[in-house]
Amino acid sequence: MNDSIEAVYASLRAARLSLRYYGNGLHIEPRYRVTPELRRLIAQNREALIAYLQTRNPHQRPSASAELQAWQTALDVIERIRAEVRALPF
């Protein structure tokens, strides 16, 4: 990598691309803006871009197990509220 990763990131943002990293990979939108030259730039700097994005946004998308646990907790709360409503004397 010849350029600093900040310069690479700035070039991609100047091309009006949105870059995000989730647990399942690097996401670039909108795809129709990715030219062959930008595609090569991204491919050459993929790992550095991922590392850069992780430092910029430490709040990544939760893993599937964490997401499932959050849904289960929400469902438990809903069931508890339903039980309390059923127990009301009217």
N, C-alpha and C. Protein backbone atom coordinates (compact mmCIF):
# COMPACT_ATOMS: atom_id res chain seq x y z
N MET A 1 0.85 -1.18 0.00
CA MET A 1 0.00 0.00 0.00
C MET A 1 0.89 1.23 0.00
N ASN A 2 0.79 2.03 -1.06
CA ASN A 2 1.62 3.22 -1.18
C ASN A 2 1.02 4.41 -0.44
N ASP A 3 -0.27 4.57 -0.53
CA ASP A 3 -0.95 5.69 0.12
C ASP A 3 -1.27 5.35 1.56
N SER A 4 -1.41 6.40 2.36
CA SER A 4 -1.88 6.15 3.72
C SER A 4 -3.35 5.74 3.63
N ILE A 5 -3.79 5.00 4.59
CA ILE A 5 -5.16 4.50 4.55
C ILE A 5 -6.17 5.65 4.65
N GLU A 6 -5.79 6.73 5.33
CA GLU A 6 -6.68 7.90 5.41
C GLU A 6 -6.89 8.49 4.02
N ALA A 7 -5.82 8.52 3.21
CA ALA A 7 -5.93 9.06 1.85
C ALA A 7 -6.80 8.14 0.98
N VAL A 8 -6.63 6.84 1.16
CA VAL A 8 -7.46 5.88 0.41
C VAL A 8 -8.92 6.06 0.80
N TYR A 9 -9.18 6.15 2.09
CA TYR A 9 -10.54 6.34 2.58
C TYR A 9 -11.12 7.65 2.04
N ALA A 10 -10.31 8.72 2.06
CA ALA A 10 -10.76 10.02 1.56
C ALA A 10 -11.08 9.94 0.06
N SER A 11 -10.29 9.20 -0.69
CA SER A 11 -10.55 9.03 -2.12
C SER A 11 -11.89 8.32 -2.35
N LEU A 12 -12.15 7.32 -1.57
CA LEU A 12 -13.41 6.57 -1.71
C LEU A 12 -14.60 7.44 -1.30
N ARG A 13 -14.43 8.22 -0.25
CA ARG A 13 -15.51 9.12 0.17
C ARG A 13 -15.73 10.22 -0.86
N ALA A 14 -14.63 10.70 -1.49
CA ALA A 14 -14.75 11.72 -2.52
C ALA A 14 -15.52 11.18 -3.73
N ALA A 15 -15.44 9.87 -3.94
CA ALA A 15 -16.21 9.24 -5.01
C ALA A 15 -17.65 8.99 -4.57
N ARG A 16 -18.01 9.53 -3.43
CA ARG A 16 -19.35 9.42 -2.84
C ARG A 16 -19.75 7.98 -2.56
N LEU A 17 -18.78 7.24 -2.00
CA LEU A 17 -19.04 5.87 -1.57
C LEU A 17 -19.18 5.84 -0.06
N SER A 18 -20.05 4.99 0.41
CA SER A 18 -20.23 4.76 1.83
C SER A 18 -19.60 3.42 2.17
N LEU A 19 -18.68 3.42 3.11
CA LEU A 19 -18.00 2.18 3.50
C LEU A 19 -18.36 1.84 4.94
N ARG A 20 -18.70 0.59 5.15
CA ARG A 20 -18.99 0.09 6.50
C ARG A 20 -18.42 -1.31 6.63
N TYR A 21 -18.06 -1.64 7.86
CA TYR A 21 -17.61 -3.01 8.11
C TYR A 21 -18.53 -3.62 9.13
N TYR A 22 -19.10 -4.76 8.75
CA TYR A 22 -19.90 -5.56 9.68
C TYR A 22 -19.15 -6.86 9.88
N GLY A 23 -19.60 -7.65 10.83
CA GLY A 23 -18.94 -8.91 11.12
C GLY A 23 -18.80 -9.84 9.93
N ASN A 24 -19.64 -9.64 8.91
CA ASN A 24 -19.57 -10.53 7.75
C ASN A 24 -18.86 -9.90 6.56
N GLY A 25 -18.26 -8.73 6.71
CA GLY A 25 -17.46 -8.19 5.62
C GLY A 25 -17.55 -6.69 5.41
N LEU A 26 -16.86 -6.25 4.39
CA LEU A 26 -16.81 -4.85 4.02
C LEU A 26 -17.97 -4.55 3.07
N HIS A 27 -18.74 -3.52 3.38
CA HIS A 27 -19.90 -3.16 2.57
C HIS A 27 -19.66 -1.78 1.97
N ILE A 28 -19.82 -1.69 0.65
CA ILE A 28 -19.60 -0.45 -0.06
C ILE A 28 -20.86 -0.12 -0.85
N GLU A 29 -21.35 1.09 -0.68
CA GLU A 29 -22.58 1.51 -1.37
C GLU A 29 -22.42 2.93 -1.87
N PRO A 30 -23.07 3.32 -2.92
CA PRO A 30 -23.79 2.46 -3.85
C PRO A 30 -22.81 1.75 -4.78
N ARG A 31 -23.13 0.54 -5.09
CA ARG A 31 -22.24 -0.29 -5.91
C ARG A 31 -22.04 0.25 -7.31
N TYR A 32 -23.03 0.91 -7.85
CA TYR A 32 -22.90 1.38 -9.23
C TYR A 32 -21.83 2.46 -9.37
N ARG A 33 -21.41 3.07 -8.28
CA ARG A 33 -20.36 4.09 -8.33
C ARG A 33 -18.95 3.49 -8.32
N VAL A 34 -18.82 2.21 -8.05
CA VAL A 34 -17.50 1.58 -7.95
C VAL A 34 -16.97 1.31 -9.35
N THR A 35 -15.99 2.10 -9.74
CA THR A 35 -15.35 1.94 -11.05
C THR A 35 -14.29 0.84 -10.95
N PRO A 36 -13.79 0.34 -12.07
CA PRO A 36 -12.71 -0.65 -12.01
C PRO A 36 -11.49 -0.14 -11.25
N GLU A 37 -11.17 1.15 -11.40
CA GLU A 37 -10.03 1.72 -10.67
C GLU A 37 -10.28 1.71 -9.16
N LEU A 38 -11.49 2.10 -8.75
CA LEU A 38 -11.83 2.07 -7.32
C LEU A 38 -11.87 0.64 -6.80
N ARG A 39 -12.34 -0.27 -7.62
CA ARG A 39 -12.37 -1.69 -7.23
C ARG A 39 -10.97 -2.20 -6.92
N ARG A 40 -10.00 -1.82 -7.78
CA ARG A 40 -8.60 -2.22 -7.54
C ARG A 40 -8.07 -1.57 -6.26
N LEU A 41 -8.38 -0.30 -6.06
CA LEU A 41 -7.94 0.41 -4.86
C LEU A 41 -8.48 -0.26 -3.61
N ILE A 42 -9.74 -0.63 -3.65
CA ILE A 42 -10.37 -1.31 -2.50
C ILE A 42 -9.72 -2.67 -2.28
N ALA A 43 -9.53 -3.42 -3.35
CA ALA A 43 -8.93 -4.76 -3.22
C ALA A 43 -7.52 -4.69 -2.67
N GLN A 44 -6.74 -3.72 -3.11
CA GLN A 44 -5.35 -3.59 -2.65
C GLN A 44 -5.27 -3.18 -1.18
N ASN A 45 -6.30 -2.51 -0.70
CA ASN A 45 -6.28 -1.96 0.66
C ASN A 45 -7.37 -2.53 1.56
N ARG A 46 -7.94 -3.65 1.17
CA ARG A 46 -9.09 -4.23 1.88
C ARG A 46 -8.83 -4.41 3.38
N GLU A 47 -7.78 -5.10 3.74
CA GLU A 47 -7.51 -5.38 5.16
C GLU A 47 -7.26 -4.09 5.93
N ALA A 48 -6.52 -3.15 5.33
CA ALA A 48 -6.25 -1.88 6.00
C ALA A 48 -7.54 -1.06 6.14
N LEU A 49 -8.41 -1.11 5.14
CA LEU A 49 -9.69 -0.42 5.23
C LEU A 49 -10.55 -0.98 6.36
N ILE A 50 -10.57 -2.31 6.46
CA ILE A 50 -11.35 -2.95 7.53
C ILE A 50 -10.80 -2.51 8.89
N ALA A 51 -9.49 -2.54 9.06
CA ALA A 51 -8.89 -2.13 10.33
C ALA A 51 -9.20 -0.66 10.62
N TYR A 52 -9.12 0.17 9.60
CA TYR A 52 -9.41 1.60 9.76
C TYR A 52 -10.86 1.81 10.16
N LEU A 53 -11.77 1.13 9.50
CA LEU A 53 -13.19 1.27 9.83
C LEU A 53 -13.50 0.76 11.23
N GLN A 54 -12.82 -0.29 11.65
CA GLN A 54 -13.05 -0.80 13.00
C GLN A 54 -12.59 0.19 14.06
N THR A 55 -11.52 0.93 13.79
CA THR A 55 -11.07 1.92 14.76
C THR A 55 -11.97 3.15 14.75
N ARG A 56 -12.55 3.47 13.60
CA ARG A 56 -13.44 4.62 13.50
C ARG A 56 -14.80 4.33 14.12
N ASN A 57 -15.26 3.08 14.06
CA ASN A 57 -16.56 2.71 14.58
C ASN A 57 -16.46 1.43 15.40
N PRO A 58 -16.12 1.56 16.68
CA PRO A 58 -15.99 0.36 17.50
C PRO A 58 -17.31 -0.34 17.78
N HIS A 59 -18.43 0.33 17.49
CA HIS A 59 -19.75 -0.26 17.73
C HIS A 59 -20.18 -1.00 16.47
N GLN A 60 -19.68 -2.19 16.30
CA GLN A 60 -20.01 -2.98 15.12
C GLN A 60 -21.36 -3.65 15.31
N ARG A 61 -21.84 -4.17 14.24
CA ARG A 61 -23.09 -4.91 14.27
C ARG A 61 -22.90 -6.11 15.21
N PRO A 62 -23.87 -6.39 16.05
CA PRO A 62 -23.71 -7.51 16.98
C PRO A 62 -23.66 -8.84 16.24
N SER A 63 -23.02 -9.79 16.88
CA SER A 63 -22.95 -11.13 16.29
C SER A 63 -24.35 -11.74 16.30
N ALA A 64 -24.51 -12.81 15.56
CA ALA A 64 -25.83 -13.45 15.47
C ALA A 64 -26.29 -13.94 16.83
N SER A 65 -25.39 -14.48 17.64
CA SER A 65 -25.79 -14.99 18.96
C SER A 65 -26.19 -13.83 19.88
N ALA A 66 -25.48 -12.70 19.81
CA ALA A 66 -25.85 -11.55 20.63
C ALA A 66 -27.19 -10.99 20.18
N GLU A 67 -27.41 -10.97 18.88
CA GLU A 67 -28.68 -10.48 18.35
C GLU A 67 -29.82 -11.39 18.77
N LEU A 68 -29.60 -12.68 18.71
CA LEU A 68 -30.62 -13.65 19.13
C LEU A 68 -30.93 -13.49 20.61
N GLN A 69 -29.91 -13.29 21.41
CA GLN A 69 -30.11 -13.10 22.85
C GLN A 69 -30.91 -11.83 23.12
N ALA A 70 -30.64 -10.77 22.37
CA ALA A 70 -31.39 -9.52 22.54
C ALA A 70 -32.87 -9.72 22.19
N TRP A 71 -33.13 -10.45 21.11
CA TRP A 71 -34.52 -10.74 20.73
C TRP A 71 -35.21 -11.57 21.80
N GLN A 72 -34.51 -12.55 22.35
CA GLN A 72 -35.10 -13.40 23.39
C GLN A 72 -35.43 -12.57 24.63
N THR A 73 -34.55 -11.66 24.99
CA THR A 73 -34.80 -10.78 26.13
C THR A 73 -36.04 -9.92 25.88
N ALA A 74 -36.15 -9.38 24.66
CA ALA A 74 -37.31 -8.56 24.32
C ALA A 74 -38.59 -9.38 24.39
N LEU A 75 -38.56 -10.60 23.89
CA LEU A 75 -39.74 -11.47 23.95
C LEU A 75 -40.11 -11.81 25.39
N ASP A 76 -39.12 -12.03 26.24
CA ASP A 76 -39.39 -12.30 27.65
C ASP A 76 -40.09 -11.11 28.31
N VAL A 77 -39.66 -9.91 27.99
CA VAL A 77 -40.29 -8.70 28.54
C VAL A 77 -41.74 -8.61 28.06
N ILE A 78 -41.96 -8.86 26.79
CA ILE A 78 -43.32 -8.81 26.24
C ILE A 78 -44.22 -9.83 26.93
N GLU A 79 -43.73 -11.03 27.12
CA GLU A 79 -44.53 -12.06 27.79
C GLU A 79 -44.84 -11.69 29.23
N ARG A 80 -43.88 -11.08 29.92
CA ARG A 80 -44.10 -10.65 31.30
C ARG A 80 -45.18 -9.58 31.35
N ILE A 81 -45.16 -8.64 30.40
CA ILE A 81 -46.17 -7.58 30.35
C ILE A 81 -47.54 -8.18 30.06
N ARG A 82 -47.59 -9.12 29.12
CA ARG A 82 -48.87 -9.78 28.81
C ARG A 82 -49.44 -10.47 30.04
N ALA A 83 -48.59 -11.15 30.79
CA ALA A 83 -49.06 -11.85 31.99
C ALA A 83 -49.59 -10.85 33.01
N GLU A 84 -48.91 -9.72 33.16
CA GLU A 84 -49.37 -8.71 34.11
C GLU A 84 -50.71 -8.11 33.67
N VAL A 85 -50.89 -7.91 32.38
CA VAL A 85 -52.15 -7.35 31.87
C VAL A 85 -53.29 -8.35 32.09
N ARG A 86 -53.02 -9.62 31.83
CA ARG A 86 -54.04 -10.65 32.07
C ARG A 86 -54.46 -10.74 33.52
N ALA A 87 -53.57 -10.41 34.42
CA ALA A 87 -53.86 -10.50 35.86
C ALA A 87 -54.61 -9.27 36.38
N LEU A 88 -54.78 -8.25 35.55
CA LEU A 88 -55.52 -7.06 35.99
C LEU A 88 -56.99 -7.41 36.26
N PRO A 89 -57.59 -6.77 37.27
CA PRO A 89 -58.94 -7.16 37.68
C PRO A 89 -60.08 -6.55 36.87
N PHE A 90 -59.91 -6.29 35.64
CA PHE A 90 -61.04 -5.77 34.85
C PHE A 90 -61.28 -6.56 33.63
